[in-house]
């Protein structure tokens, strides 16, 4: 399994109504230093219906300004459609952060 496949495998497991950080995805994919690589992988997501990249936010809970499917507003819309509150482009990580139990 290549690096991007490992990343996609983790992102697929983030449950509806939860988010993960780039660093968290990197750690679960096998290397905590891959945060930027996670961003690159999500930017070229081959199957957004299967790989919910909108559920990945930065370490502060902020949505991505460069969200590949329509910018931060689109990412916020997708998150809100799952019941996640997004206030000023930010998600409350204490409330919505995935605990990784499905790993």
C-alpha atoms as a PDB file:
ATOM      1  CA  UNK A   1       0.000   0.000   0.000  1.00  0.00           C
ATOM      2  CA  UNK A   2       1.503   3.368  -0.965  1.00  0.00           C
ATOM      3  CA  UNK A   3       1.475   6.493   1.215  1.00  0.00           C
ATOM      4  CA  UNK A   4      -1.627   8.052  -0.352  1.00  0.00           C
ATOM      5  CA  UNK A   5      -3.526   4.755  -0.072  1.00  0.00           C
ATOM      6  CA  UNK A   6      -2.628   4.591   3.634  1.00  0.00           C
ATOM      7  CA  UNK A   7      -3.913   8.151   4.093  1.00  0.00           C
ATOM      8  CA  UNK A   8      -7.141   7.436   2.200  1.00  0.00           C
ATOM      9  CA  UNK A   9      -7.668   4.305   4.294  1.00  0.00           C
ATOM     10  CA  UNK A  10      -7.563   6.406   7.479  1.00  0.00           C
ATOM     11  CA  UNK A  11      -9.801   9.175   6.112  1.00  0.00           C
ATOM     12  CA  UNK A  12     -12.401   6.598   5.045  1.00  0.00           C
ATOM     13  CA  UNK A  13     -12.741   5.590   8.704  1.00  0.00           C
ATOM     14  CA  UNK A  14     -13.569   9.074  10.035  1.00  0.00           C
ATOM     15  CA  UNK A  15     -17.229   8.704  10.992  1.00  0.00           C
ATOM     16  CA  UNK A  16     -19.990  11.018   9.867  1.00  0.00           C
ATOM     17  CA  UNK A  17     -20.340  13.869  12.368  1.00  0.00           C
ATOM     18  CA  UNK A  18     -16.659  13.801  13.374  1.00  0.00           C
ATOM     19  CA  UNK A  19     -13.470  15.425  12.121  1.00  0.00           C
ATOM     20  CA  UNK A  20      -9.780  14.565  12.286  1.00  0.00           C
ATOM     21  CA  UNK A  21      -6.736  16.791  11.975  1.00  0.00           C
ATOM     22  CA  UNK A  22      -4.072  16.457   9.298  1.00  0.00           C
ATOM     23  CA  UNK A  23      -1.618  15.405  12.006  1.00  0.00           C
ATOM     24  CA  UNK A  24      -3.977  12.800  13.381  1.00  0.00           C
ATOM     25  CA  UNK A  25      -4.474  11.295   9.914  1.00  0.00           C
ATOM     26  CA  UNK A  26      -0.704  11.317   9.394  1.00  0.00           C
ATOM     27  CA  UNK A  27      -0.125   9.515  12.691  1.00  0.00           C
ATOM     28  CA  UNK A  28      -2.740   6.836  11.981  1.00  0.00           C
ATOM     29  CA  UNK A  29      -1.373   6.410   8.433  1.00  0.00           C
ATOM     30  CA  UNK A  30       2.005   5.544   9.851  1.00  0.00           C
ATOM     31  CA  UNK A  31       4.123   8.697  10.140  1.00  0.00           C
ATOM     32  CA  UNK A  32       3.286  11.672  12.338  1.00  0.00           C
ATOM     33  CA  UNK A  33       5.453  13.878  10.088  1.00  0.00           C
ATOM     34  CA  UNK A  34       3.200  13.415   7.049  1.00  0.00           C
ATOM     35  CA  UNK A  35       0.766  16.268   7.800  1.00  0.00           C
ATOM     36  CA  UNK A  36       1.641  18.105   4.586  1.00  0.00           C
ATOM     37  CA  UNK A  37       1.527  14.857   2.636  1.00  0.00           C
ATOM     38  CA  UNK A  38      -2.013  14.339   3.953  1.00  0.00           C
ATOM     39  CA  UNK A  39      -2.908  17.726   2.483  1.00  0.00           C
ATOM     40  CA  UNK A  40      -1.411  16.788  -0.878  1.00  0.00           C
ATOM     41  CA  UNK A  41      -3.217  13.446  -0.891  1.00  0.00           C
ATOM     42  CA  UNK A  42      -6.573  15.022  -0.076  1.00  0.00           C
ATOM     43  CA  UNK A  43      -6.071  17.663  -2.758  1.00  0.00           C
ATOM     44  CA  UNK A  44      -5.961  14.893  -5.387  1.00  0.00           C
ATOM     45  CA  UNK A  45      -8.644  12.709  -3.749  1.00  0.00           C
ATOM     46  CA  UNK A  46      -9.691  10.280  -6.502  1.00  0.00           C
ATOM     47  CA  UNK A  47     -13.064   9.406  -4.955  1.00  0.00           C
ATOM     48  CA  UNK A  48     -14.652  12.081  -2.715  1.00  0.00           C
ATOM     49  CA  UNK A  49     -17.833  10.041  -2.312  1.00  0.00           C
ATOM     50  CA  UNK A  50     -15.814   7.269  -0.655  1.00  0.00           C
ATOM     51  CA  UNK A  51     -12.980   9.310   0.893  1.00  0.00           C
ATOM     52  CA  UNK A  52     -14.581  12.113   2.962  1.00  0.00           C
ATOM     53  CA  UNK A  53     -11.719  14.600   2.856  1.00  0.00           C
ATOM     54  CA  UNK A  54     -14.056  17.353   4.056  1.00  0.00           C
ATOM     55  CA  UNK A  55     -13.789  15.760   7.520  1.00  0.00           C
ATOM     56  CA  UNK A  56     -10.116  16.747   7.825  1.00  0.00           C
ATOM     57  CA  UNK A  57      -9.299  20.120   9.416  1.00  0.00           C
ATOM     58  CA  UNK A  58      -6.133  21.731  10.703  1.00  0.00           C
ATOM     59  CA  UNK A  59      -4.886  21.437  14.287  1.00  0.00           C
ATOM     60  CA  UNK A  60      -6.945  24.478  15.278  1.00  0.00           C
ATOM     61  CA  UNK A  61     -10.151  23.011  13.819  1.00  0.00           C
ATOM     62  CA  UNK A  62     -10.098  25.406  10.878  1.00  0.00           C
ATOM     63  CA  UNK A  63     -11.430  24.453   7.475  1.00  0.00           C
ATOM     64  CA  UNK A  64      -9.134  24.671   4.488  1.00  0.00           C
ATOM     65  CA  UNK A  65      -9.087  27.841   2.414  1.00  0.00           C
ATOM     66  CA  UNK A  66      -7.969  25.682  -0.507  1.00  0.00           C
ATOM     67  CA  UNK A  67     -10.578  22.951  -0.088  1.00  0.00           C
ATOM     68  CA  UNK A  68     -10.418  21.218  -3.437  1.00  0.00           C
ATOM     69  CA  UNK A  69     -14.153  20.917  -3.944  1.00  0.00           C
ATOM     70  CA  UNK A  70     -15.111  24.562  -3.648  1.00  0.00           C
ATOM     71  CA  UNK A  71     -13.145  26.316  -0.906  1.00  0.00           C
ATOM     72  CA  UNK A  72     -13.668  26.579   2.842  1.00  0.00           C
ATOM     73  CA  UNK A  73     -17.342  27.494   2.483  1.00  0.00           C
ATOM     74  CA  UNK A  74     -18.027  24.218   0.668  1.00  0.00           C
ATOM     75  CA  UNK A  75     -16.125  22.259   3.303  1.00  0.00           C
ATOM     76  CA  UNK A  76     -18.151  23.998   6.029  1.00  0.00           C
ATOM     77  CA  UNK A  77     -21.396  23.203   4.181  1.00  0.00           C
ATOM     78  CA  UNK A  78     -20.480  19.524   3.969  1.00  0.00           C
ATOM     79  CA  UNK A  79     -19.561  19.404   7.652  1.00  0.00           C
ATOM     80  CA  UNK A  80     -22.744  21.200   8.686  1.00  0.00           C
ATOM     81  CA  UNK A  81     -24.800  18.756   6.611  1.00  0.00           C
ATOM     82  CA  UNK A  82     -23.439  16.082   8.974  1.00  0.00           C
ATOM     83  CA  UNK A  83     -24.440  18.017  12.079  1.00  0.00           C
ATOM     84  CA  UNK A  84     -21.029  19.545  12.797  1.00  0.00           C
ATOM     85  CA  UNK A  85     -21.140  23.178  13.889  1.00  0.00           C
ATOM     86  CA  UNK A  86     -18.772  25.431  11.959  1.00  0.00           C
ATOM     87  CA  UNK A  87     -18.407  28.924  13.382  1.00  0.00           C
ATOM     88  CA  UNK A  88     -16.262  31.434  11.490  1.00  0.00           C
ATOM     89  CA  UNK A  89     -14.595  28.615   9.562  1.00  0.00           C
ATOM     90  CA  UNK A  90     -13.750  26.676  12.685  1.00  0.00           C
ATOM     91  CA  UNK A  91     -14.896  23.396  14.258  1.00  0.00           C
ATOM     92  CA  UNK A  92     -14.876  22.822  18.026  1.00  0.00           C
ATOM     93  CA  UNK A  93     -12.346  19.990  18.323  1.00  0.00           C
ATOM     94  CA  UNK A  94     -13.310  19.243  21.912  1.00  0.00           C
ATOM     95  CA  UNK A  95     -16.783  18.377  20.674  1.00  0.00           C
ATOM     96  CA  UNK A  96     -16.227  16.912  17.199  1.00  0.00           C
ATOM     97  CA  UNK A  97     -12.723  15.404  17.132  1.00  0.00           C
ATOM     98  CA  UNK A  98     -12.706  11.722  16.185  1.00  0.00           C
ATOM     99  CA  UNK A  99     -11.130   9.562  18.867  1.00  0.00           C
ATOM    100  CA  UNK A 100      -9.690   7.073  16.363  1.00  0.00           C
ATOM    101  CA  UNK A 101     -11.330   4.065  17.994  1.00  0.00           C
ATOM    102  CA  UNK A 102     -12.136   2.599  14.580  1.00  0.00           C
ATOM    103  CA  UNK A 103      -8.462   2.281  13.724  1.00  0.00           C
END
